[in-house]
Structures are given as C-alpha cells and as structure tokens.
C-alpha cells in the first residue's frame, strides 16, 4: 500500500498529490467529493455529472419548454397522425 502525505493549509485546503489526481482522473478546476463510509473511512472520489444530476440547471430557451417528455410525446403523436392521413389517402 502506498501512502501520500499532504499538509492542510490554514484555510483547510490540501494539495492532492499528482499520483492520486492521475488515478482519479481529475484536473485543475474539477470537483471531488469526500465520502464518509459506514465503517467511518473517508473516500475521495471524482464528481461525475450525469444528466439527472444537472437536470434543471439550465433554463429552457425563450419560447421552448423544459418538459421534453411532453414535447417528444406530442411530436410523436403529430408524426403518427400525418402518417395515418397519408395512408388513408392511398
């Protein structure tokens, strides 16, 4: 097991050693999270954003809605209605 020592600054900051940053795949300005496990160990993990974690963080464009599920459903229904009209004309 390798050990890495780092000093905590007066502001509570610590430098993550380069080997650890490479192992985590993090770069300057990336975020990390500290996880306290059930057995009282602390784990350092990179923050990985998912669609769910950022949902709602960007407002809809003017004239558009944030309800994409409804928009998809409506667009599908409209496309099916057009297709049915073409089939009925044949």
N, C-alpha and C. Protein backbone atom coordinates (compact mmCIF):
# COMPACT_ATOMS: atom_id res chain seq x y z
N UNK A 1 0.85 -1.17 0.00
CA UNK A 1 0.00 0.00 0.00
C UNK A 1 0.89 1.24 0.00
N UNK A 2 0.63 2.15 -0.92
CA UNK A 2 1.37 3.41 -0.97
C UNK A 2 0.66 4.42 -0.09
N UNK A 3 1.43 5.28 0.55
CA UNK A 3 0.86 6.36 1.36
C UNK A 3 1.38 7.68 0.82
N UNK A 4 0.50 8.67 0.82
CA UNK A 4 0.85 10.01 0.36
C UNK A 4 0.51 10.98 1.48
N UNK A 5 1.43 11.87 1.80
CA UNK A 5 1.23 12.83 2.87
C UNK A 5 1.06 14.22 2.25
N UNK A 6 0.09 14.95 2.77
CA UNK A 6 -0.15 16.31 2.32
C UNK A 6 -0.49 17.15 3.55
N UNK A 7 -0.14 18.42 3.53
CA UNK A 7 -0.36 19.31 4.67
C UNK A 7 -1.62 20.14 4.46
N UNK A 8 -2.40 20.30 5.51
CA UNK A 8 -3.60 21.12 5.46
C UNK A 8 -3.21 22.57 5.70
N UNK A 9 -3.65 23.47 4.82
CA UNK A 9 -3.32 24.89 4.97
C UNK A 9 -4.18 25.52 6.05
N UNK A 10 -3.90 26.77 6.38
CA UNK A 10 -4.68 27.49 7.39
C UNK A 10 -6.12 27.70 6.94
N UNK A 11 -6.37 27.61 5.63
CA UNK A 11 -7.73 27.74 5.09
C UNK A 11 -8.42 26.38 4.96
N UNK A 12 -7.78 25.32 5.46
CA UNK A 12 -8.37 23.99 5.37
C UNK A 12 -8.17 23.34 4.02
N UNK A 13 -7.30 23.88 3.20
CA UNK A 13 -7.06 23.34 1.87
C UNK A 13 -5.91 22.34 1.90
N UNK A 14 -5.98 21.40 0.98
CA UNK A 14 -4.93 20.39 0.88
C UNK A 14 -4.63 20.16 -0.60
N UNK A 15 -3.38 19.93 -0.92
CA UNK A 15 -2.99 19.62 -2.29
C UNK A 15 -3.08 18.11 -2.48
N UNK A 16 -3.80 17.71 -3.52
CA UNK A 16 -3.91 16.29 -3.83
C UNK A 16 -2.67 15.89 -4.62
N UNK A 17 -1.92 14.93 -4.14
CA UNK A 17 -0.69 14.52 -4.85
C UNK A 17 -0.99 14.11 -6.30
N UNK A 18 -0.02 14.37 -7.17
CA UNK A 18 -0.17 14.13 -8.61
C UNK A 18 -0.56 12.69 -8.92
N UNK A 19 0.05 11.71 -8.24
CA UNK A 19 -0.30 10.30 -8.49
C UNK A 19 -1.78 10.04 -8.19
N UNK A 20 -2.29 10.64 -7.14
CA UNK A 20 -3.70 10.46 -6.77
C UNK A 20 -4.60 11.15 -7.79
N UNK A 21 -4.23 12.37 -8.22
CA UNK A 21 -5.03 13.07 -9.25
C UNK A 21 -5.10 12.26 -10.53
N UNK A 22 -3.97 11.68 -10.93
CA UNK A 22 -3.97 10.85 -12.14
C UNK A 22 -4.86 9.62 -11.95
N UNK A 23 -4.76 8.99 -10.80
CA UNK A 23 -5.57 7.80 -10.51
C UNK A 23 -7.06 8.13 -10.54
N UNK A 24 -7.44 9.31 -10.01
CA UNK A 24 -8.84 9.73 -10.00
C UNK A 24 -9.29 10.28 -11.35
N UNK A 25 -8.31 10.67 -12.18
CA UNK A 25 -8.65 11.26 -13.48
C UNK A 25 -9.19 12.68 -13.35
N UNK A 26 -8.67 13.42 -12.35
CA UNK A 26 -9.14 14.80 -12.15
C UNK A 26 -8.06 15.79 -12.57
N UNK A 27 -8.52 16.96 -12.95
CA UNK A 27 -7.66 18.03 -13.43
C UNK A 27 -7.99 19.31 -12.67
N UNK A 28 -7.18 20.36 -12.85
CA UNK A 28 -7.48 21.64 -12.20
C UNK A 28 -8.92 22.07 -12.51
N UNK A 29 -9.60 22.56 -11.50
CA UNK A 29 -10.99 23.06 -11.51
C UNK A 29 -12.03 21.93 -11.53
N UNK A 30 -11.61 20.65 -11.61
CA UNK A 30 -12.57 19.55 -11.44
C UNK A 30 -12.97 19.51 -9.97
N UNK A 31 -14.07 18.84 -9.68
CA UNK A 31 -14.51 18.72 -8.31
C UNK A 31 -14.32 17.29 -7.82
N UNK A 32 -14.07 17.17 -6.51
CA UNK A 32 -14.00 15.87 -5.86
C UNK A 32 -14.99 15.88 -4.70
N UNK A 33 -15.37 14.70 -4.28
CA UNK A 33 -16.28 14.59 -3.15
C UNK A 33 -15.65 13.70 -2.09
N UNK A 34 -15.90 14.03 -0.83
CA UNK A 34 -15.43 13.23 0.28
C UNK A 34 -16.61 12.40 0.77
N UNK A 35 -16.43 11.09 0.82
CA UNK A 35 -17.50 10.19 1.23
C UNK A 35 -17.09 9.53 2.54
N UNK A 36 -17.95 9.68 3.55
CA UNK A 36 -17.73 9.01 4.82
C UNK A 36 -18.51 7.70 4.77
N UNK A 37 -17.77 6.58 4.76
CA UNK A 37 -18.41 5.27 4.62
C UNK A 37 -19.00 4.81 5.96
N UNK A 38 -19.78 3.75 5.90
CA UNK A 38 -20.41 3.23 7.12
C UNK A 38 -19.38 2.78 8.15
N UNK A 39 -18.22 2.33 7.68
CA UNK A 39 -17.19 1.90 8.61
C UNK A 39 -16.23 3.04 8.98
N UNK A 40 -16.73 4.30 8.81
CA UNK A 40 -16.02 5.52 9.24
C UNK A 40 -14.73 5.79 8.47
N UNK A 41 -14.59 5.25 7.26
CA UNK A 41 -13.45 5.58 6.42
C UNK A 41 -13.86 6.73 5.51
N UNK A 42 -12.88 7.52 5.11
CA UNK A 42 -13.13 8.63 4.21
C UNK A 42 -12.59 8.26 2.84
N UNK A 43 -13.45 8.39 1.81
CA UNK A 43 -13.03 8.12 0.44
C UNK A 43 -13.07 9.42 -0.35
N UNK A 44 -12.12 9.59 -1.20
CA UNK A 44 -12.06 10.75 -2.10
C UNK A 44 -12.44 10.26 -3.48
N UNK A 45 -13.49 10.86 -4.05
CA UNK A 45 -13.97 10.42 -5.36
C UNK A 45 -14.15 11.62 -6.28
N UNK A 46 -13.92 11.40 -7.58
CA UNK A 46 -14.20 12.49 -8.53
C UNK A 46 -15.70 12.68 -8.66
N UNK A 47 -16.13 13.91 -8.86
CA UNK A 47 -17.55 14.18 -9.10
C UNK A 47 -17.80 13.92 -10.57
N UNK A 48 -18.72 13.04 -10.86
CA UNK A 48 -19.09 12.74 -12.23
C UNK A 48 -20.52 13.20 -12.44
N UNK A 49 -20.69 14.10 -13.38
CA UNK A 49 -22.01 14.64 -13.64
C UNK A 49 -22.78 13.70 -14.55
N UNK A 50 -24.04 13.53 -14.25
CA UNK A 50 -24.93 12.76 -15.09
C UNK A 50 -26.05 13.69 -15.54
N UNK A 51 -26.81 13.25 -16.50
CA UNK A 51 -27.94 14.06 -16.96
C UNK A 51 -28.89 14.35 -15.80
N UNK A 52 -29.11 13.35 -14.96
CA UNK A 52 -30.02 13.53 -13.82
C UNK A 52 -29.48 14.56 -12.83
N UNK A 53 -28.16 14.58 -12.63
CA UNK A 53 -27.60 15.48 -11.63
C UNK A 53 -27.63 16.94 -12.08
N UNK A 54 -27.70 17.19 -13.37
CA UNK A 54 -27.72 18.57 -13.85
C UNK A 54 -29.08 18.98 -14.39
N UNK A 55 -30.06 18.07 -14.31
CA UNK A 55 -31.40 18.36 -14.82
C UNK A 55 -31.95 19.62 -14.15
N UNK A 56 -32.38 20.56 -14.94
CA UNK A 56 -32.95 21.79 -14.42
C UNK A 56 -31.92 22.88 -14.16
N UNK A 57 -30.65 22.60 -14.38
CA UNK A 57 -29.63 23.61 -14.12
C UNK A 57 -29.56 24.66 -15.22
N UNK A 58 -30.15 24.35 -16.37
CA UNK A 58 -30.20 25.31 -17.48
C UNK A 58 -31.65 25.54 -17.83
N UNK A 59 -32.05 26.79 -17.84
CA UNK A 59 -33.44 27.10 -18.15
C UNK A 59 -33.71 26.89 -19.63
N UNK A 60 -34.97 26.64 -19.95
CA UNK A 60 -35.38 26.45 -21.34
C UNK A 60 -35.17 27.74 -22.11
N UNK A 61 -34.93 27.62 -23.40
CA UNK A 61 -34.79 28.79 -24.26
C UNK A 61 -36.13 29.51 -24.37
N UNK A 62 -36.11 30.81 -24.65
CA UNK A 62 -37.38 31.52 -24.80
C UNK A 62 -38.25 30.85 -25.86
N UNK A 63 -39.51 30.65 -25.55
CA UNK A 63 -40.43 30.01 -26.48
C UNK A 63 -40.36 28.49 -26.46
N UNK A 64 -39.51 27.94 -25.61
CA UNK A 64 -39.41 26.49 -25.50
C UNK A 64 -39.75 26.07 -24.08
N UNK A 65 -39.99 24.81 -23.90
CA UNK A 65 -40.35 24.29 -22.59
C UNK A 65 -39.28 23.35 -22.08
N UNK A 66 -39.24 23.16 -20.79
CA UNK A 66 -38.29 22.21 -20.20
C UNK A 66 -38.89 20.81 -20.12
N UNK A 67 -40.16 20.67 -20.52
CA UNK A 67 -40.84 19.37 -20.44
C UNK A 67 -40.59 18.59 -21.74
N UNK A 68 -39.41 18.01 -21.84
CA UNK A 68 -39.03 17.31 -23.06
C UNK A 68 -39.86 16.05 -23.29
N UNK A 69 -40.23 15.37 -22.22
CA UNK A 69 -41.05 14.16 -22.39
C UNK A 69 -42.36 14.50 -23.09
N UNK A 70 -43.00 15.59 -22.67
CA UNK A 70 -44.26 16.00 -23.30
C UNK A 70 -44.01 16.40 -24.74
N UNK A 71 -42.95 17.14 -25.00
CA UNK A 71 -42.65 17.56 -26.38
C UNK A 71 -42.41 16.36 -27.28
N UNK A 72 -41.68 15.38 -26.79
CA UNK A 72 -41.41 14.17 -27.58
C UNK A 72 -42.72 13.43 -27.85
N UNK A 73 -43.55 13.29 -26.81
CA UNK A 73 -44.82 12.60 -26.97
C UNK A 73 -45.70 13.31 -28.00
N UNK A 74 -45.79 14.65 -27.90
CA UNK A 74 -46.60 15.41 -28.85
C UNK A 74 -46.05 15.31 -30.27
N UNK A 75 -44.74 15.38 -30.42
CA UNK A 75 -44.14 15.29 -31.75
C UNK A 75 -44.38 13.91 -32.35
N UNK A 76 -44.32 12.88 -31.53
CA UNK A 76 -44.58 11.52 -32.00
C UNK A 76 -46.03 11.37 -32.43
N UNK A 77 -46.94 11.91 -31.63
CA UNK A 77 -48.37 11.84 -31.97
C UNK A 77 -48.66 12.58 -33.28
N UNK A 78 -48.05 13.76 -33.46
CA UNK A 78 -48.25 14.52 -34.69
C UNK A 78 -47.70 13.77 -35.89
N UNK A 79 -46.53 13.17 -35.74
CA UNK A 79 -45.92 12.41 -36.84
C UNK A 79 -46.79 11.21 -37.20
N UNK A 80 -47.33 10.54 -36.19
CA UNK A 80 -48.19 9.39 -36.45
C UNK A 80 -49.48 9.84 -37.14
N UNK A 81 -50.04 10.97 -36.72
CA UNK A 81 -51.28 11.47 -37.35
C UNK A 81 -51.03 11.80 -38.82
N UNK A 82 -49.90 12.43 -39.14
CA UNK A 82 -49.57 12.75 -40.54
C UNK A 82 -49.42 11.47 -41.36
N UNK A 83 -48.76 10.48 -40.77
CA UNK A 83 -48.55 9.22 -41.47
C UNK A 83 -49.90 8.52 -41.73
N UNK A 84 -50.79 8.55 -40.74
CA UNK A 84 -52.12 7.94 -40.90
C UNK A 84 -52.91 8.66 -41.97
N UNK A 85 -52.79 9.98 -42.04
CA UNK A 85 -53.51 10.75 -43.09
C UNK A 85 -53.01 10.33 -44.47
N UNK A 86 -51.69 10.17 -44.60
CA UNK A 86 -51.15 9.76 -45.92
C UNK A 86 -51.63 8.36 -46.27
N UNK A 87 -51.65 7.46 -45.30
CA UNK A 87 -52.12 6.10 -45.56
C UNK A 87 -53.58 6.06 -45.93
N UNK A 88 -54.40 6.89 -45.28
CA UNK A 88 -55.84 6.93 -45.56
C UNK A 88 -56.12 7.49 -46.96
N UNK A 89 -55.23 8.33 -47.48
CA UNK A 89 -55.42 8.90 -48.84
C UNK A 89 -55.12 7.87 -49.93
N UNK A 90 -54.38 6.84 -49.59
CA UNK A 90 -53.97 5.85 -50.60
C UNK A 90 -55.04 4.85 -50.86
